[in-house]
Amino acid sequence: MNEIIHNTLEVVEVGAEMISRLKALAGASPRKRARLCLHRSPTDATHEMLIAFHRDSFMPPHRHPADKSESYHVVEGLMVVHLFDDSGAVVRSIRLGSTAPSFLYRLSTNLWHMPTAASEWLIYHEVYSGPFQKDRDVEFPSWAPTESDHAQVAHFRTRLPNLF
C-alpha cells in the first residue's frame, strides 16, 4: 500500500479534497498514516509534507542529527509531541492544535521525540531540513518498541501522559 503522494507541480494548493484523500489513504494503510510530499525531489534542501495521522498510528520515538531541524504545524486535530531523555523518560509533552495553547512546534536539536494523535485524525504540516537520508537522518532508541510490535506499543503508550 502506497502511503505517499509525491508532488510534481511547480505550484501546489492543498485543500479539503486533498485532506480527505490523505485520510482515505491512511485509513487503508496498515500504519494508519499517509503523506503528501510538497517538495519535488528527495535532494531538496527543504522537505515539506502534509501528514494524515490516525489515532491508532504509532511513530516510534526518534531523533535527527543536531544540524537538522524539524517543525510541526497542526492543520486539523490535536497532537502531543513527547520529548524523552536518553533513558526513555518523558521530559516534556507539548500539546498542539487549534484548541490547544500552541499550534506550531520546532525542534532545533537532536532530542528524542515522538508525535502522537490526540484526536481521531491529525493533519499536520511538517518541515524538515533536507535532503533526507533515512540511514543518516533518523535514529531509533533501543528503549522504544518498533511500530510492528503491537503488544509492546500498547504497553509503551500507557507510560505517556494524556494531555487532552
C-alpha atoms as a PDB file:
ATOM      1  CA  MET A   1       0.000   0.000   0.000  1.00  0.00           C
ATOM      2  CA  ASN A   2       1.491   3.289  -1.050  1.00  0.00           C
ATOM      3  CA  GLU A   3       1.116   5.870   1.718  1.00  0.00           C
ATOM      4  CA  ILE A   4       2.918   8.660  -0.132  1.00  0.00           C
ATOM      5  CA  ILE A   5       1.734  11.121  -2.766  1.00  0.00           C
ATOM      6  CA  HIS A   6       4.659  12.820  -4.498  1.00  0.00           C
ATOM      7  CA  ASN A   7       4.215  16.343  -5.790  1.00  0.00           C
ATOM      8  CA  THR A   8       5.265  17.034  -9.382  1.00  0.00           C
ATOM      9  CA  LEU A   9       3.793  20.537  -9.704  1.00  0.00           C
ATOM     10  CA  GLU A  10       5.600  23.867  -9.520  1.00  0.00           C
ATOM     11  CA  VAL A  11       2.687  25.411  -7.653  1.00  0.00           C
ATOM     12  CA  VAL A  12       0.752  23.277  -5.155  1.00  0.00           C
ATOM     13  CA  GLU A  13      -2.545  24.102  -3.491  1.00  0.00           C
ATOM     14  CA  VAL A  14      -3.902  21.980  -0.665  1.00  0.00           C
ATOM     15  CA  GLY A  15      -7.500  21.997   0.476  1.00  0.00           C
ATOM     16  CA  ALA A  16     -10.226  19.811   1.914  1.00  0.00           C
ATOM     17  CA  GLU A  17     -10.193  17.403  -1.043  1.00  0.00           C
ATOM     18  CA  MET A  18      -6.521  16.519  -0.506  1.00  0.00           C
ATOM     19  CA  ILE A  19      -7.052  16.118   3.228  1.00  0.00           C
ATOM     20  CA  SER A  20      -9.905  13.689   2.531  1.00  0.00           C
ATOM     21  CA  ARG A  21      -7.694  11.790   0.087  1.00  0.00           C
ATOM     22  CA  LEU A  22      -4.868  11.547   2.641  1.00  0.00           C
ATOM     23  CA  LYS A  23      -7.257  10.325   5.333  1.00  0.00           C
ATOM     24  CA  ALA A  24      -8.563   7.641   2.964  1.00  0.00           C
ATOM     25  CA  LEU A  25      -5.007   6.507   2.149  1.00  0.00           C
ATOM     26  CA  ALA A  26      -4.078   6.474   5.833  1.00  0.00           C
ATOM     27  CA  GLY A  27      -7.255   4.606   6.783  1.00  0.00           C
ATOM     28  CA  ALA A  28      -6.421   1.882   4.259  1.00  0.00           C
ATOM     29  CA  SER A  29      -2.776   1.676   5.336  1.00  0.00           C
ATOM     30  CA  PRO A  30      -1.607  -0.812   7.975  1.00  0.00           C
ATOM     31  CA  ARG A  31       0.409   2.035   9.560  1.00  0.00           C
ATOM     32  CA  LYS A  32      -2.654   4.346   9.618  1.00  0.00           C
ATOM     33  CA  ARG A  33      -0.806   7.317   8.175  1.00  0.00           C
ATOM     34  CA  ALA A  34      -0.144   8.904   4.796  1.00  0.00           C
ATOM     35  CA  ARG A  35       1.704  11.902   3.436  1.00  0.00           C
ATOM     36  CA  LEU A  36       1.763  14.365   0.613  1.00  0.00           C
ATOM     37  CA  CYS A  37       5.352  15.360  -0.160  1.00  0.00           C
ATOM     38  CA  LEU A  38       5.146  19.004  -1.172  1.00  0.00           C
ATOM     39  CA  HIS A  39       8.820  19.133  -2.153  1.00  0.00           C
ATOM     40  CA  ARG A  40       9.576  17.795  -5.602  1.00  0.00           C
ATOM     41  CA  SER A  41      12.819  15.915  -5.049  1.00  0.00           C
ATOM     42  CA  PRO A  42      14.483  13.872  -2.294  1.00  0.00           C
ATOM     43  CA  THR A  43      17.536  16.100  -2.787  1.00  0.00           C
ATOM     44  CA  ASP A  44      15.662  19.348  -1.988  1.00  0.00           C
ATOM     45  CA  ALA A  45      17.164  21.424   0.818  1.00  0.00           C
ATOM     46  CA  THR A  46      13.760  21.716   2.495  1.00  0.00           C
ATOM     47  CA  HIS A  47      11.311  18.862   2.827  1.00  0.00           C
ATOM     48  CA  GLU A  48       7.680  19.779   3.411  1.00  0.00           C
ATOM     49  CA  MET A  49       4.934  17.238   3.940  1.00  0.00           C
ATOM     50  CA  LEU A  50       1.267  17.219   4.819  1.00  0.00           C
ATOM     51  CA  ILE A  51       0.667  14.176   7.001  1.00  0.00           C
ATOM     52  CA  ALA A  52      -2.573  12.399   7.894  1.00  0.00           C
ATOM     53  CA  PHE A  53      -2.079  10.514  11.130  1.00  0.00           C
ATOM     54  CA  HIS A  54      -4.803   8.366  12.721  1.00  0.00           C
ATOM     55  CA  ARG A  55      -5.057   7.967  16.494  1.00  0.00           C
ATOM     56  CA  ASP A  56      -4.079   4.273  16.106  1.00  0.00           C
ATOM     57  CA  SER A  57      -0.846   5.095  14.271  1.00  0.00           C
ATOM     58  CA  PHE A  58       2.433   4.757  16.139  1.00  0.00           C
ATOM     59  CA  MET A  59       5.570   6.565  15.112  1.00  0.00           C
ATOM     60  CA  PRO A  60       8.366   5.392  17.417  1.00  0.00           C
ATOM     61  CA  PRO A  61      10.465   7.898  19.308  1.00  0.00           C
ATOM     62  CA  HIS A  62      13.357   9.023  17.178  1.00  0.00           C
ATOM     63  CA  ARG A  63      15.892  11.775  16.778  1.00  0.00           C
ATOM     64  CA  HIS A  64      17.650  13.568  13.972  1.00  0.00           C
ATOM     65  CA  PRO A  65      21.218  14.889  13.678  1.00  0.00           C
ATOM     66  CA  ALA A  66      21.948  18.058  15.641  1.00  0.00           C
ATOM     67  CA  ASP A  67      22.446  20.032  12.430  1.00  0.00           C
ATOM     68  CA  LYS A  68      18.867  19.332  11.267  1.00  0.00           C
ATOM     69  CA  SER A  69      15.628  20.990  12.351  1.00  0.00           C
ATOM     70  CA  GLU A  70      12.027  19.894  12.180  1.00  0.00           C
ATOM     71  CA  SER A  71       8.727  21.642  12.744  1.00  0.00           C
ATOM     72  CA  TYR A  72       5.105  20.519  13.004  1.00  0.00           C
ATOM     73  CA  HIS A  73       2.160  22.824  12.320  1.00  0.00           C
ATOM     74  CA  VAL A  74      -1.247  21.359  13.152  1.00  0.00           C
ATOM     75  CA  VAL A  75      -3.814  21.915  10.410  1.00  0.00           C
ATOM     76  CA  GLU A  76      -6.605  19.765  11.882  1.00  0.00           C
ATOM     77  CA  GLY A  77      -6.993  17.832  15.112  1.00  0.00           C
ATOM     78  CA  LEU A  78      -4.886  17.566  18.238  1.00  0.00           C
ATOM     79  CA  MET A  79      -1.288  16.433  18.669  1.00  0.00           C
ATOM     80  CA  VAL A  80       1.008  15.749  21.579  1.00  0.00           C
ATOM     81  CA  VAL A  81       4.746  15.758  20.942  1.00  0.00           C
ATOM     82  CA  HIS A  82       6.588  13.836  23.652  1.00  0.00           C
ATOM     83  CA  LEU A  83      10.254  14.603  24.325  1.00  0.00           C
ATOM     84  CA  PHE A  84      12.409  11.942  26.002  1.00  0.00           C
ATOM     85  CA  ASP A  85      15.765  11.768  27.724  1.00  0.00           C
ATOM     86  CA  ASP A  86      18.371   9.177  26.752  1.00  0.00           C
ATOM     87  CA  SER A  87      16.893   6.575  29.110  1.00  0.00           C
ATOM     88  CA  GLY A  88      13.370   6.901  27.672  1.00  0.00           C
ATOM     89  CA  ALA A  89      11.771   9.012  30.399  1.00  0.00           C
ATOM     90  CA  VAL A  90       9.319  11.654  29.176  1.00  0.00           C
ATOM     91  CA  VAL A  91      10.849  15.038  29.993  1.00  0.00           C
ATOM     92  CA  ARG A  92       8.224  17.200  28.318  1.00  0.00           C
ATOM     93  CA  SER A  93       4.962  16.842  26.419  1.00  0.00           C
ATOM     94  CA  ILE A  94       3.774  19.621  24.140  1.00  0.00           C
ATOM     95  CA  ARG A  95       0.083  19.999  23.243  1.00  0.00           C
ATOM     96  CA  LEU A  96      -0.633  21.306  19.770  1.00  0.00           C
ATOM     97  CA  GLY A  97      -3.877  22.066  17.966  1.00  0.00           C
ATOM     98  CA  SER A  98      -6.353  24.785  17.153  1.00  0.00           C
ATOM     99  CA  THR A  99      -7.889  24.472  20.642  1.00  0.00           C
ATOM    100  CA  ALA A 100      -4.549  23.945  22.409  1.00  0.00           C
ATOM    101  CA  PRO A 101      -2.210  26.607  23.770  1.00  0.00           C
ATOM    102  CA  SER A 102       0.065  26.176  20.715  1.00  0.00           C
ATOM    103  CA  PHE A 103      -0.379  25.029  17.114  1.00  0.00           C
ATOM    104  CA  LEU A 104       3.270  25.095  15.951  1.00  0.00           C
ATOM    105  CA  TYR A 105       6.398  23.408  17.270  1.00  0.00           C
ATOM    106  CA  ARG A 106      10.015  23.484  16.091  1.00  0.00           C
ATOM    107  CA  LEU A 107      12.856  21.273  17.259  1.00  0.00           C
ATOM    108  CA  SER A 108      16.357  22.579  16.562  1.00  0.00           C
ATOM    109  CA  THR A 109      18.397  19.947  18.377  1.00  0.00           C
ATOM    110  CA  ASN A 110      18.680  16.170  18.434  1.00  0.00           C
ATOM    111  CA  LEU A 111      16.273  15.326  21.278  1.00  0.00           C
ATOM    112  CA  TRP A 112      14.326  12.072  21.189  1.00  0.00           C
ATOM    113  CA  HIS A 113      10.775  12.989  20.184  1.00  0.00           C
ATOM    114  CA  MET A 114       7.540  11.345  19.137  1.00  0.00           C
ATOM    115  CA  PRO A 115       4.353  12.832  17.679  1.00  0.00           C
ATOM    116  CA  THR A 116       1.034  11.290  18.715  1.00  0.00           C
ATOM    117  CA  ALA A 117      -2.520  11.996  17.613  1.00  0.00           C
ATOM    118  CA  ALA A 118      -4.803  13.048  20.458  1.00  0.00           C
ATOM    119  CA  SER A 119      -7.847  13.156  18.163  1.00  0.00           C
ATOM    120  CA  GLU A 120      -9.197  10.525  15.793  1.00  0.00           C
ATOM    121  CA  TRP A 121      -7.433  12.270  12.902  1.00  0.00           C
ATOM    122  CA  LEU A 122      -4.460  14.579  12.988  1.00  0.00           C
ATOM    123  CA  ILE A 123      -3.396  16.529   9.916  1.00  0.00           C
ATOM    124  CA  TYR A 124      -0.104  18.348  10.226  1.00  0.00           C
ATOM    125  CA  HIS A 125       2.395  20.153   8.062  1.00  0.00           C
ATOM    126  CA  GLU A 126       5.951  19.002   8.697  1.00  0.00           C
ATOM    127  CA  VAL A 127       9.050  20.858   7.559  1.00  0.00           C
ATOM    128  CA  TYR A 128      12.438  19.132   7.769  1.00  0.00           C
ATOM    129  CA  SER A 129      15.949  20.202   6.792  1.00  0.00           C
ATOM    130  CA  GLY A 130      16.761  18.149   3.732  1.00  0.00           C
ATOM    131  CA  PRO A 131      17.984  16.363   1.931  1.00  0.00           C
ATOM    132  CA  PHE A 132      16.565  13.420   3.868  1.00  0.00           C
ATOM    133  CA  GLN A 133      18.703  10.272   4.025  1.00  0.00           C
ATOM    134  CA  LYS A 134      16.956   7.722   6.242  1.00  0.00           C
ATOM    135  CA  ASP A 135      20.121   5.896   7.331  1.00  0.00           C
ATOM    136  CA  ARG A 136      21.669   9.212   8.461  1.00  0.00           C
ATOM    137  CA  ASP A 137      18.673  11.307   9.437  1.00  0.00           C
ATOM    138  CA  VAL A 138      16.661   9.009  11.706  1.00  0.00           C
ATOM    139  CA  GLU A 139      17.895   7.171  14.772  1.00  0.00           C
ATOM    140  CA  PHE A 140      15.619   4.977  16.887  1.00  0.00           C
ATOM    141  CA  PRO A 141      16.398   4.250  20.563  1.00  0.00           C
ATOM    142  CA  SER A 142      16.836   0.759  21.979  1.00  0.00           C
ATOM    143  CA  TRP A 143      14.346   1.518  24.794  1.00  0.00           C
ATOM    144  CA  ALA A 144      11.338   2.029  22.480  1.00  0.00           C
ATOM    145  CA  PRO A 145       9.282  -0.602  20.649  1.00  0.00           C
ATOM    146  CA  THR A 146       9.243  -0.885  16.888  1.00  0.00           C
ATOM    147  CA  GLU A 147       5.940   0.035  15.283  1.00  0.00           C
ATOM    148  CA  SER A 148       5.309  -3.602  14.284  1.00  0.00           C
ATOM    149  CA  ASP A 149       5.456  -4.902  17.890  1.00  0.00           C
ATOM    150  CA  HIS A 150       1.818  -4.166  18.740  1.00  0.00           C
ATOM    151  CA  ALA A 151       1.869  -5.577  22.281  1.00  0.00           C
ATOM    152  CA  GLN A 152       4.930  -3.523  23.238  1.00  0.00           C
ATOM    153  CA  VAL A 153       3.483  -0.430  21.546  1.00  0.00           C
ATOM    154  CA  ALA A 154       0.297  -0.763  23.622  1.00  0.00           C
ATOM    155  CA  HIS A 155       2.370  -1.090  26.814  1.00  0.00           C
ATOM    156  CA  PHE A 156       4.627   1.831  25.827  1.00  0.00           C
ATOM    157  CA  ARG A 157       1.613   4.082  25.240  1.00  0.00           C
ATOM    158  CA  THR A 158       0.421   3.521  28.827  1.00  0.00           C
ATOM    159  CA  ARG A 159       3.551   5.377  30.023  1.00  0.00           C
ATOM    160  CA  LEU A 160       2.725   8.537  28.077  1.00  0.00           C
ATOM    161  CA  PRO A 161       0.803  11.404  29.661  1.00  0.00           C
ATOM    162  CA  ASN A 162      -2.640  12.055  28.148  1.00  0.00           C
ATOM    163  CA  LEU A 163      -2.863  15.824  27.941  1.00  0.00           C
ATOM    164  CA  PHE A 164      -6.274  16.269  26.284  1.00  0.00           C
END
